[in-house]
Amino acid sequence: MSDILATASGDHECATCGHEWDAAAGDPNDLGEIRDANGTLLQDGDAVVLVKGLPLKGSTNMLKVGTKFANIRIVSGDHEIDTKINGQGILLKAKFVKKA
């Protein structure tokens, strides 16, 4: 199950925070510098730790502070980090993590 939902207009919606964005927005090759909550530059393959608890929209589950995500992937869009937890794909905003 993905944390990205398709809306009726063809846009995407984040199941974690409810943010909606245009599916075609952004150049996937132009990612720029992605920095964590402390200002440290993040790269593909880094490990990060949550600095804030995040509820999963539409669920009673919550990602707890201190949850570690290994081998992240930097992607374009509003949610800059693509990773997995317990085999489930999830997108995170870089401002909610710090480099491990």
Protein backbone atom coordinates (compact mmCIF):
# COMPACT_ATOMS: atom_id res chain seq x y z
CA MET A 1 0.00 0.00 0.00
CA SER A 2 1.37 3.39 -0.97
CA ASP A 3 1.09 6.59 1.04
CA ILE A 4 0.28 8.52 -2.14
CA LEU A 5 -3.32 8.65 -3.27
CA ALA A 6 -4.55 9.73 -6.70
CA THR A 7 -7.30 12.37 -6.62
CA ALA A 8 -10.17 12.76 -9.08
CA SER A 9 -8.31 15.61 -10.81
CA GLY A 10 -5.26 13.40 -11.45
CA ASP A 11 -3.16 15.10 -8.77
CA HIS A 12 -1.52 13.28 -5.87
CA GLU A 13 -2.36 13.44 -2.16
CA CYS A 14 -0.10 12.40 0.71
CA ALA A 15 -1.82 9.92 3.03
CA THR A 16 0.42 11.11 5.88
CA CYS A 17 -0.36 14.83 5.89
CA GLY A 18 -3.05 15.38 3.26
CA HIS A 19 -0.89 17.68 1.09
CA GLU A 20 -1.97 17.68 -2.57
CA TRP A 21 0.27 18.41 -5.57
CA ASP A 22 0.23 18.20 -9.35
CA ALA A 23 1.52 14.82 -10.51
CA ALA A 24 3.38 16.44 -13.41
CA ALA A 25 4.97 19.25 -11.38
CA GLY A 26 8.70 19.50 -11.07
CA ASP A 27 11.61 18.22 -13.09
CA PRO A 28 12.76 14.92 -11.55
CA ASN A 29 16.35 15.68 -12.59
CA ASP A 30 16.39 19.05 -10.79
CA LEU A 31 16.30 18.09 -7.10
CA GLY A 32 18.51 20.83 -5.71
CA GLU A 33 19.99 20.52 -2.24
CA ILE A 34 17.83 18.65 0.25
CA ARG A 35 18.66 19.39 3.88
CA ASP A 36 17.43 17.81 7.11
CA ALA A 37 16.03 19.59 10.19
CA ASN A 38 19.57 20.53 11.28
CA GLY A 39 20.64 21.83 7.87
CA THR A 40 22.77 18.79 7.00
CA LEU A 41 22.83 17.89 3.30
CA LEU A 42 21.03 14.60 2.54
CA GLN A 43 21.92 12.20 -0.28
CA ASP A 44 20.60 8.92 -1.67
CA GLY A 45 21.54 6.01 0.58
CA ASP A 46 21.74 8.02 3.82
CA ALA A 47 20.07 6.87 7.03
CA VAL A 48 17.75 9.33 8.81
CA VAL A 49 15.86 9.47 12.12
CA LEU A 50 12.49 11.17 12.74
CA VAL A 51 12.66 14.26 14.97
CA LYS A 52 8.86 14.60 15.21
CA GLY A 53 6.09 12.05 15.61
CA LEU A 54 3.97 11.86 12.46
CA PRO A 55 0.42 10.47 12.31
CA LEU A 56 -0.50 8.46 9.23
CA LYS A 57 -3.63 9.97 7.67
CA GLY A 58 -6.58 7.58 7.64
CA SER A 59 -5.00 5.29 10.21
CA THR A 60 -4.52 5.03 13.95
CA ASN A 61 -0.83 4.25 13.38
CA MET A 62 1.84 6.84 14.09
CA LEU A 63 5.49 7.10 13.18
CA LYS A 64 7.29 7.72 16.46
CA VAL A 65 10.14 10.11 17.21
CA GLY A 66 13.42 8.24 16.81
CA THR A 67 12.20 5.89 14.07
CA LYS A 68 15.19 5.17 11.83
CA PHE A 69 14.94 4.90 8.04
CA ALA A 70 17.92 3.42 6.19
CA ASN A 71 18.87 3.76 2.54
CA ILE A 72 16.66 6.75 1.69
CA ARG A 73 16.11 8.01 -1.83
CA ILE A 74 15.86 11.72 -2.65
CA VAL A 75 12.94 12.50 -4.99
CA SER A 76 11.33 15.61 -6.46
CA GLY A 77 8.12 17.04 -5.08
CA ASP A 78 6.85 18.36 -1.79
CA HIS A 79 7.93 15.21 0.08
CA GLU A 80 11.65 14.90 -0.68
CA ILE A 81 12.44 11.52 0.92
CA ASP A 82 11.26 8.15 -0.40
CA THR A 83 11.85 5.19 1.91
CA LYS A 84 10.27 2.04 3.31
CA ILE A 85 9.23 0.90 6.76
CA ASN A 86 8.04 -2.65 7.36
CA GLY A 87 7.93 -3.16 3.58
CA GLN A 88 5.57 -0.21 3.05
CA GLY A 89 6.67 2.71 0.88
CA ILE A 90 6.45 6.12 2.51
CA LEU A 91 7.31 9.68 1.54
CA LEU A 92 8.62 12.12 4.15
CA LYS A 93 9.44 15.80 4.30
CA ALA A 94 13.11 16.47 5.02
CA LYS A 95 12.25 18.99 7.76
CA PHE A 96 11.01 16.11 9.96
CA VAL A 97 14.23 14.06 9.91
CA LYS A 98 17.88 14.36 10.87
CA LYS A 99 20.80 12.47 9.39
CA ALA A 100 21.72 9.43 11.49
